Amino acid sequence: MADQVLVNCNVFDGHGDAVLRDQQIVVRDGRIAGLGPRDPSADEGVATDLGGAYVMAGLFNMHTHFSLALPGPLGQAVRAMSAHELAFYVADGARRTLRCGVTSVRCVGESDHVEFALRSAIAAGRAEGPRIFSAGRALVCTGGHGHEASSALECDGPDEFTRATRAQIKAGADLIKVMISGGIAGAHEAMDTMPLAPAELDAVIRTAHAWGRKVTAHAGPAPIIGQALDLGLDCVEHGYQLTAAVARQMRDCGAALVPTLGVTRCADFFDALEVPAWMQQRSFAAAPEHEESYRLALAAGVEVMLGSDLPPFWPVDGTSATVRELEHMQEFGLAPRDALRAATSAPAAWLGVEHDVGSVAVGKRADLIAMAGDPTTTVGALRTLFWVMKDGAVVRDDRGFGVSGHE
């Protein structure tokens, strides 16, 4: 392939705070081969004029479920799909996700390991979607949170949890997900239900770490999270009811938080899915404490990362669920540049792929997005996103820039 030269763009590279003005990006064989001030005399490849757009690394969404099946009619329909139907369903979700600027996702519980087939198809060019990192099926005790769906695997006792952890790794898991508390979507549980015995959770964490995998946990209440941190937990999903002390414990342990703020403030999404009233009421009632928990995490210096839980591409308040989540993160206390890092370089580092993706630098994969507004001023500028590139291939171009020829 000929080199691609992207010109007339302003770059937030994800390393410093400053926006690099009037830059030129050279893309070769799917990677960034050059980055610097625009050189009108350059004769490498052909140039695409981005019209003064702002360019940054593609977004990560660190809490996704392509096979999400919540209580309600749509969830029932997803659970009733055959393996073939499910494959097409998740492939469509992956395509939509990529086109909204999310070039990497972390799946934290998918039905019947369907995402591993999807990941292979994307890598082979047979499907269009983001880079996929997955936990496989989430581990849960019998009757625990999420047990109703095939995206979870029921276990009881340390031996079964050990075996289930190894089974996810055997299937291709990059990390392990475990359910250590109740949640919003469980009809027969409370938020502070603690379904796992300490020995069961210890078995998961010890086994995963022995295989070089991190562990993240669906978790709400502070006491449960604190116990999990003592056992070596690497990341918390939701964290609905943190305290200042447990937030500091997270910081000291180096555990990250994926707050999923949108799940307690998404009435339109729930209505569209016809989610039952009891779940909606539980969700919205948790919103104030959820926000306060997130603010406590920020005040303590906890690493936070973007994750929507809602389908990344889903239309929410005039934008995608991913962008709306990032807006919540900024609205509740995260500075715009830090919010952008929570959606790019921080997830890449947590996943151990910061050498490859997560920022705009020579040698890294050309996973890039472009927008009309300056996202370092407000992440709401991501609403103006119009162009997406993954591995050097343009997968969305709303303005039809195409190739303009040599500069």
Protein backbone atom coordinates (compact mmCIF):
# COMPACT_ATOMS: atom_id res chain seq x y z
CA MET A 1 0.00 0.00 0.00
CA ALA A 2 1.12 3.54 -0.75
CA ASP A 3 1.77 5.84 2.17
CA GLN A 4 -1.14 7.93 3.34
CA VAL A 5 -0.40 11.50 4.41
CA LEU A 6 -2.96 13.26 6.59
CA VAL A 7 -2.52 17.03 6.50
CA ASN A 8 -4.15 20.19 7.84
CA CYS A 9 -5.00 18.68 11.21
CA ASN A 10 -4.49 19.53 14.87
CA VAL A 11 -3.31 16.59 16.97
CA PHE A 12 -3.84 15.69 20.61
CA ASP A 13 -1.22 12.99 20.90
CA GLY A 14 -2.22 11.83 24.38
CA HIS A 15 1.24 12.43 25.86
CA GLY A 16 1.41 16.16 26.56
CA ASP A 17 -1.30 18.69 27.32
CA ALA A 18 -0.79 20.85 24.26
CA VAL A 19 -2.57 20.41 20.95
CA LEU A 20 -0.05 20.13 18.12
CA ARG A 21 -1.17 22.59 15.45
CA ASP A 22 -1.13 22.14 11.66
CA GLN A 23 0.34 18.67 11.73
CA GLN A 24 1.10 16.04 9.15
CA ILE A 25 0.66 12.33 9.90
CA VAL A 26 2.23 9.72 7.65
CA VAL A 27 0.58 6.28 7.75
CA ARG A 28 2.46 3.30 6.37
CA ASP A 29 1.40 -0.36 6.55
CA GLY A 30 -1.24 0.41 9.14
CA ARG A 31 1.06 2.27 11.51
CA ILE A 32 2.08 5.87 12.10
CA ALA A 33 5.34 6.37 10.26
CA GLY A 34 5.66 10.12 10.72
CA LEU A 35 4.23 12.94 12.83
CA GLY A 36 5.25 16.57 12.74
CA PRO A 37 4.57 20.04 11.36
CA ARG A 38 3.02 20.10 7.93
CA ASP A 39 5.53 19.97 5.10
CA PRO A 40 3.95 21.22 1.86
CA SER A 41 6.90 19.91 -0.13
CA ALA A 42 6.49 16.35 1.14
CA ASP A 43 6.28 13.86 -1.71
CA GLU A 44 5.39 10.73 0.24
CA GLY A 45 2.29 8.95 -0.99
CA VAL A 46 -0.89 10.91 -1.42
CA ALA A 47 -2.34 13.49 0.95
CA THR A 48 -5.76 13.72 2.60
CA ASP A 49 -6.62 17.23 3.74
CA LEU A 50 -8.64 16.97 6.98
CA GLY A 51 -9.71 20.57 6.83
CA GLY A 52 -8.35 21.75 10.16
CA ALA A 53 -9.93 18.90 12.10
CA TYR A 54 -8.76 17.71 15.51
CA VAL A 55 -7.20 14.26 15.48
CA MET A 56 -6.58 11.93 18.42
CA ALA A 57 -6.22 8.23 19.11
CA GLY A 58 -9.27 6.04 18.70
CA LEU A 59 -11.37 5.52 21.81
CA PHE A 60 -11.39 2.51 24.12
CA ASN A 61 -14.64 1.35 25.70
CA MET A 62 -13.63 -0.80 28.67
CA HIS A 63 -17.06 -2.16 29.62
CA THR A 64 -18.91 -3.66 26.70
CA HIS A 65 -21.34 -6.52 26.12
CA PHE A 66 -22.11 -7.08 22.44
CA SER A 67 -24.57 -9.78 23.51
CA LEU A 68 -26.18 -7.72 26.29
CA ALA A 69 -29.47 -9.27 27.41
CA LEU A 70 -31.18 -7.15 30.08
CA PRO A 71 -34.58 -7.99 31.57
CA GLY A 72 -37.28 -7.17 29.04
CA PRO A 73 -38.38 -8.21 25.53
CA LEU A 74 -35.12 -7.43 23.70
CA GLY A 75 -33.09 -9.29 26.29
CA GLN A 76 -35.40 -12.27 25.94
CA ALA A 77 -34.96 -12.14 22.18
CA VAL A 78 -31.17 -12.10 22.48
CA ARG A 79 -31.20 -15.04 24.89
CA ALA A 80 -33.40 -16.97 22.43
CA MET A 81 -31.06 -16.48 19.46
CA SER A 82 -29.36 -19.43 17.87
CA ALA A 83 -25.58 -19.41 17.69
CA HIS A 84 -25.77 -18.28 14.05
CA GLU A 85 -28.22 -15.46 14.80
CA LEU A 86 -26.10 -14.30 17.72
CA ALA A 87 -22.98 -14.17 15.56
CA PHE A 88 -24.64 -11.79 13.10
CA TYR A 89 -26.12 -9.74 15.95
CA VAL A 90 -22.79 -9.13 17.67
CA ALA A 91 -21.02 -8.52 14.35
CA ASP A 92 -23.50 -5.75 13.60
CA GLY A 93 -22.86 -4.24 17.03
CA ALA A 94 -19.11 -4.38 16.46
CA ARG A 95 -19.43 -2.58 13.13
CA ARG A 96 -21.56 0.16 14.66
CA THR A 97 -19.13 0.46 17.57
CA LEU A 98 -16.13 1.03 15.30
CA ARG A 99 -17.93 3.64 13.26
CA CYS A 100 -18.69 5.72 16.35
CA GLY A 101 -14.96 6.11 16.98
CA VAL A 102 -14.36 3.19 19.36
CA THR A 103 -11.38 1.35 17.90
CA SER A 104 -10.78 -0.94 20.93
CA VAL A 105 -13.15 -2.59 23.39
CA ARG A 106 -12.88 -4.71 26.51
CA CYS A 107 -15.70 -7.26 26.60
CA VAL A 108 -16.62 -8.20 30.16
CA GLY A 109 -19.08 -11.04 29.68
CA GLU A 110 -20.29 -12.34 26.32
CA SER A 111 -22.63 -15.19 25.47
CA ASP A 112 -21.07 -18.56 24.71
CA HIS A 113 -17.67 -17.08 23.78
CA VAL A 114 -19.13 -15.57 20.61
CA GLU A 115 -16.70 -12.64 20.83
CA PHE A 116 -13.69 -14.90 20.24
CA ALA A 117 -15.08 -15.92 16.84
CA LEU A 118 -15.84 -12.26 16.15
CA ARG A 119 -12.32 -11.25 17.15
CA SER A 120 -10.86 -13.79 14.72
CA ALA A 121 -13.17 -12.66 11.92
CA ILE A 122 -12.19 -9.01 12.44
CA ALA A 123 -8.49 -9.90 12.46
CA ALA A 124 -8.93 -11.85 9.23
CA GLY A 125 -10.83 -9.02 7.54
CA ARG A 126 -14.10 -10.94 7.32
CA ALA A 127 -15.90 -8.57 9.69
CA GLU A 128 -15.59 -4.90 10.60
CA GLY A 129 -15.14 -3.96 14.22
CA PRO A 130 -12.86 -2.71 16.96
CA ARG A 131 -9.85 -4.40 18.49
CA ILE A 132 -11.31 -6.84 21.05
CA PHE A 133 -9.91 -7.71 24.46
CA SER A 134 -12.16 -10.07 26.35
CA ALA A 135 -12.80 -11.72 29.69
CA GLY A 136 -14.79 -14.52 28.10
CA ARG A 137 -17.75 -15.45 30.29
CA ALA A 138 -18.11 -13.68 33.62
CA LEU A 139 -17.71 -15.94 36.65
CA VAL A 140 -20.59 -16.01 39.13
CA CYS A 141 -21.82 -18.25 41.93
CA THR A 142 -25.02 -20.20 41.44
CA GLY A 143 -27.85 -17.68 41.30
CA GLY A 144 -25.50 -14.71 41.47
CA HIS A 145 -25.62 -11.49 39.46
CA GLY A 146 -26.04 -12.18 35.75
CA HIS A 147 -26.54 -15.93 36.12
CA GLU A 148 -29.59 -15.87 33.83
CA ALA A 149 -27.55 -15.31 30.66
CA SER A 150 -25.01 -17.49 28.90
CA SER A 151 -22.56 -14.60 29.23
CA ALA A 152 -21.99 -15.84 32.79
CA LEU A 153 -20.68 -19.16 34.07
CA GLU A 154 -22.00 -20.44 37.41
CA CYS A 155 -19.48 -21.93 39.81
CA ASP A 156 -19.45 -22.94 43.47
CA GLY A 157 -16.43 -23.49 45.68
CA PRO A 158 -12.77 -22.63 45.10
CA ASP A 159 -12.14 -25.64 42.86
CA GLU A 160 -14.92 -24.76 40.44
CA PHE A 161 -13.89 -21.11 40.31
CA THR A 162 -10.29 -22.16 39.64
CA ARG A 163 -11.39 -24.46 36.84
CA ALA A 164 -13.68 -21.80 35.34
CA THR A 165 -10.86 -19.23 35.37
CA ARG A 166 -8.58 -21.61 33.52
CA ALA A 167 -11.39 -22.40 31.06
CA GLN A 168 -11.72 -18.71 30.11
CA ILE A 169 -7.97 -18.44 29.59
CA LYS A 170 -8.00 -21.62 27.50
CA ALA A 171 -10.72 -20.08 25.33
CA GLY A 172 -8.58 -16.98 24.74
CA ALA A 173 -9.44 -14.57 27.53
CA ASP A 174 -7.17 -11.55 28.02
CA LEU A 175 -8.52 -10.92 31.53
CA ILE A 176 -11.01 -12.41 33.97
CA LYS A 177 -14.34 -10.92 35.12
CA VAL A 178 -16.02 -12.00 38.34
CA MET A 179 -19.31 -10.92 39.94
CA ILE A 180 -18.70 -10.14 43.61
CA SER A 181 -21.87 -8.25 44.55
CA GLY A 182 -25.47 -7.81 43.56
CA GLY A 183 -26.42 -5.18 41.04
CA ILE A 184 -29.13 -3.24 39.28
CA ALA A 185 -30.32 -5.98 36.91
CA GLY A 186 -30.87 -8.77 39.46
CA ALA A 187 -34.50 -9.19 40.49
CA HIS A 188 -33.71 -11.45 43.45
CA GLU A 189 -30.70 -9.67 44.91
CA ALA A 190 -29.78 -6.43 46.61
CA MET A 191 -26.93 -4.14 45.63
CA ASP A 192 -25.00 -5.13 48.75
CA THR A 193 -25.48 -8.88 48.34
CA MET A 194 -22.10 -10.59 48.69
CA PRO A 195 -22.52 -13.87 46.82
CA LEU A 196 -18.93 -15.16 46.79
CA ALA A 197 -17.03 -16.59 49.70
CA PRO A 198 -13.57 -15.04 50.16
CA ALA A 199 -11.94 -18.37 49.29
CA GLU A 200 -13.79 -18.45 45.96
CA LEU A 201 -12.65 -14.96 44.98
CA ASP A 202 -9.13 -15.73 46.16
CA ALA A 203 -9.09 -18.77 43.87
CA VAL A 204 -10.04 -16.62 40.87
CA ILE A 205 -7.46 -13.93 41.53
CA ARG A 206 -4.63 -16.31 42.35
CA THR A 207 -5.28 -18.43 39.29
CA ALA A 208 -5.64 -15.49 36.92
CA HIS A 209 -2.49 -13.83 38.20
CA ALA A 210 -0.56 -17.07 37.89
CA TRP A 211 -1.51 -17.07 34.21
CA GLY A 212 -0.58 -13.41 33.76
CA ARG A 213 -4.17 -12.15 33.57
CA LYS A 214 -5.71 -9.26 35.48
CA VAL A 215 -9.06 -9.55 37.24
CA THR A 216 -11.91 -7.08 37.17
CA ALA A 217 -15.06 -7.33 39.24
CA HIS A 218 -18.65 -6.24 39.00
CA ALA A 219 -18.94 -4.59 42.40
CA GLY A 220 -21.07 -2.03 44.18
CA PRO A 221 -20.58 -1.66 47.95
CA ALA A 222 -17.36 -0.44 49.55
CA PRO A 223 -16.91 -3.28 52.11
CA ILE A 224 -17.05 -5.94 49.37
CA ILE A 225 -14.64 -3.97 47.21
CA GLY A 226 -12.25 -3.51 50.13
CA GLN A 227 -12.11 -7.25 50.76
CA ALA A 228 -11.48 -7.91 47.08
CA LEU A 229 -8.66 -5.37 47.01
CA ASP A 230 -7.03 -7.16 49.92
CA LEU A 231 -7.00 -10.28 47.75
CA GLY A 232 -5.39 -8.48 44.81
CA LEU A 233 -8.27 -7.26 42.62
CA ASP A 234 -7.05 -5.16 39.66
CA CYS A 235 -10.15 -3.23 38.61
CA VAL A 236 -13.66 -2.35 39.78
CA GLU A 237 -16.67 -2.10 37.49
CA HIS A 238 -19.39 0.37 38.59
CA GLY A 239 -18.33 1.03 42.21
CA TYR A 240 -21.76 2.36 43.08
CA GLN A 241 -21.11 2.82 46.81
CA LEU A 242 -17.47 3.70 47.41
CA THR A 243 -16.25 5.40 50.56
CA ALA A 244 -13.29 7.76 50.83
CA ALA A 245 -11.31 5.07 52.67
CA VAL A 246 -11.91 2.39 50.04
CA ALA A 247 -11.18 4.89 47.27
CA ARG A 248 -7.80 5.55 48.88
CA GLN A 249 -7.29 1.79 49.18
CA MET A 250 -7.95 1.46 45.45
CA ARG A 251 -5.38 4.17 44.72
CA ASP A 252 -2.78 2.57 46.98
CA CYS A 253 -3.36 -0.86 45.41
CA GLY A 254 -3.20 0.55 41.89
CA ALA A 255 -6.70 -0.72 41.13
CA ALA A 256 -8.61 1.14 38.41
CA LEU A 257 -12.28 2.12 38.29
CA VAL A 258 -14.61 1.86 35.31
CA PRO A 259 -17.56 3.84 36.72
CA THR A 260 -20.20 3.26 33.99
CA LEU A 261 -22.02 6.42 35.10
CA GLY A 262 -24.58 6.13 32.32
CA VAL A 263 -26.22 3.02 33.72
CA THR A 264 -27.88 5.04 36.48
CA ARG A 265 -29.05 7.84 34.18
CA CYS A 266 -30.26 6.24 30.91
CA ALA A 267 -34.07 6.45 30.92
CA ASP A 268 -34.37 6.57 27.12
CA PHE A 269 -32.23 3.45 26.74
CA PHE A 270 -34.28 1.54 29.30
CA ASP A 271 -37.52 2.68 27.68
CA ALA A 272 -36.32 1.59 24.24
CA LEU A 273 -35.55 -1.87 25.61
CA GLU A 274 -38.78 -1.97 27.66
CA VAL A 275 -36.75 -2.69 30.78
CA PRO A 276 -39.15 -3.44 33.67
CA ALA A 277 -40.07 -0.69 36.10
CA TRP A 278 -38.40 -2.33 39.12
CA MET A 279 -35.01 -2.24 37.38
CA GLN A 280 -35.42 1.34 36.21
CA GLN A 281 -36.37 2.44 39.72
CA ARG A 282 -33.37 0.67 41.22
CA SER A 283 -31.07 2.26 38.64
CA PHE A 284 -32.25 5.83 39.04
CA ALA A 285 -32.34 5.60 42.84
CA ALA A 286 -28.66 4.68 42.79
CA ALA A 287 -27.62 7.68 40.68
CA PRO A 288 -26.77 10.22 43.44
CA GLU A 289 -24.60 7.80 45.42
CA HIS A 290 -23.03 6.55 42.18
CA GLU A 291 -21.97 10.08 41.29
CA GLU A 292 -20.61 10.71 44.78
CA SER A 293 -18.62 7.46 44.67
CA TYR A 294 -17.04 8.54 41.39
CA ARG A 295 -16.15 11.95 42.83
CA LEU A 296 -14.54 10.23 45.84
CA ALA A 297 -12.45 8.11 43.48
CA LEU A 298 -11.27 11.19 41.60
CA ALA A 299 -10.43 12.99 44.84
CA ALA A 300 -8.37 10.01 45.99
CA GLY A 301 -6.43 9.83 42.73
CA VAL A 302 -7.86 6.52 41.47
CA GLU A 303 -7.17 5.72 37.81
CA VAL A 304 -10.50 5.89 35.97
CA MET A 305 -11.27 4.46 32.55
CA LEU A 306 -14.14 4.92 30.12
CA GLY A 307 -16.71 2.14 29.93
CA SER A 308 -20.37 2.52 29.02
CA ASP A 309 -21.96 -0.88 29.82
CA LEU A 310 -24.65 0.29 27.39
CA PRO A 311 -23.88 -0.76 23.78
CA PRO A 312 -21.07 1.63 22.77
CA PHE A 313 -22.88 2.82 19.66
CA TRP A 314 -26.34 3.24 21.19
CA PRO A 315 -27.88 6.70 20.60
CA VAL A 316 -28.12 8.50 23.96
CA ASP A 317 -28.97 12.19 24.36
CA GLY A 318 -28.00 13.02 20.80
CA THR A 319 -24.70 11.13 20.71
CA SER A 320 -23.34 7.62 21.25
CA ALA A 321 -23.41 5.94 24.66
CA THR A 322 -19.60 6.03 24.64
CA VAL A 323 -19.35 9.79 24.14
CA ARG A 324 -22.19 10.41 26.60
CA GLU A 325 -20.34 8.38 29.22
CA LEU A 326 -17.23 10.48 28.71
CA GLU A 327 -19.34 13.62 29.07
CA HIS A 328 -20.63 12.33 32.41
CA MET A 329 -17.05 11.69 33.50
CA GLN A 330 -16.13 15.29 32.70
CA GLU A 331 -19.34 16.73 34.13
CA PHE A 332 -18.70 15.05 37.48
CA GLY A 333 -15.16 16.27 37.91
CA LEU A 334 -12.64 14.95 35.38
CA ALA A 335 -10.73 17.58 33.38
CA PRO A 336 -11.16 17.23 29.59
CA ARG A 337 -7.59 16.11 28.87
CA ASP A 338 -7.74 13.59 31.70
CA ALA A 339 -11.06 12.35 30.35
CA LEU A 340 -9.47 11.82 26.95
CA ARG A 341 -6.66 9.84 28.58
CA ALA A 342 -9.30 7.79 30.42
CA ALA A 343 -10.59 6.83 26.99
CA THR A 344 -7.22 6.16 25.33
CA SER A 345 -3.85 5.85 27.04
CA ALA A 346 -5.09 4.67 30.47
CA PRO A 347 -7.02 1.68 29.07
CA ALA A 348 -4.10 0.81 26.78
CA ALA A 349 -1.75 0.77 29.77
CA TRP A 350 -4.15 -1.33 31.88
CA LEU A 351 -4.36 -3.87 29.07
CA GLY A 352 -0.61 -3.84 28.56
CA VAL A 353 -0.79 -2.65 24.94
CA GLU A 354 0.38 0.93 25.37
CA HIS A 355 3.34 0.20 23.08
CA ASP A 356 0.87 -0.46 20.25
CA VAL A 357 -2.21 1.75 20.69
CA GLY A 358 -3.71 4.44 22.91
CA SER A 359 -1.85 7.53 21.69
CA VAL A 360 -0.65 9.18 18.51
CA ALA A 361 3.05 8.42 18.12
CA VAL A 362 5.43 7.09 15.51
CA GLY A 363 5.40 3.30 15.45
CA LYS A 364 1.92 2.89 16.90
CA ARG A 365 -1.05 1.53 15.03
CA ALA A 366 -2.94 4.11 13.03
CA ASP A 367 -6.13 3.99 15.09
CA LEU A 368 -7.24 7.60 14.68
CA ILE A 369 -10.39 9.70 14.88
CA ALA A 370 -11.09 13.22 13.62
CA MET A 371 -13.65 15.79 14.71
CA ALA A 372 -14.49 19.42 14.03
CA GLY A 373 -14.23 20.64 17.64
CA ASP A 374 -11.35 20.70 20.11
CA PRO A 375 -11.83 17.77 22.56
CA THR A 376 -9.21 19.14 24.95
CA THR A 377 -11.56 22.05 25.69
CA THR A 378 -14.61 19.85 26.18
CA VAL A 379 -15.12 16.16 25.43
CA GLY A 380 -18.47 17.18 23.96
CA ALA A 381 -16.44 17.99 20.84
CA LEU A 382 -16.54 14.24 20.16
CA ARG A 383 -20.13 14.83 19.07
CA THR A 384 -18.62 16.40 15.93
CA LEU A 385 -16.64 13.25 15.05
CA PHE A 386 -16.81 12.57 11.32
CA TRP A 387 -13.82 10.36 10.42
CA VAL A 388 -12.47 7.08 11.79
CA MET A 389 -9.36 5.09 10.84
CA LYS A 390 -8.33 1.70 12.22
CA ASP A 391 -5.02 0.07 11.31
CA GLY A 392 -4.59 2.64 8.55
CA ALA A 393 -7.93 1.91 6.87
CA VAL A 394 -10.58 4.62 6.80
CA VAL A 395 -13.84 3.09 8.02
CA ARG A 396 -15.89 6.29 8.30
CA ASP A 397 -15.64 9.50 6.28
CA ASP A 398 -18.76 11.63 6.62
CA ARG A 399 -17.30 14.53 4.66
CA GLY A 400 -16.00 12.55 1.71
CA PHE A 401 -12.47 13.92 1.86
CA GLY A 402 -11.08 10.88 0.09
CA VAL A 403 -7.61 11.31 -1.39
CA SER A 404 -6.66 14.75 -2.64
CA GLY A 405 -3.40 13.84 -4.38
CA HIS A 406 0.16 15.01 -3.73
CA GLU A 407 0.68 18.22 -1.85
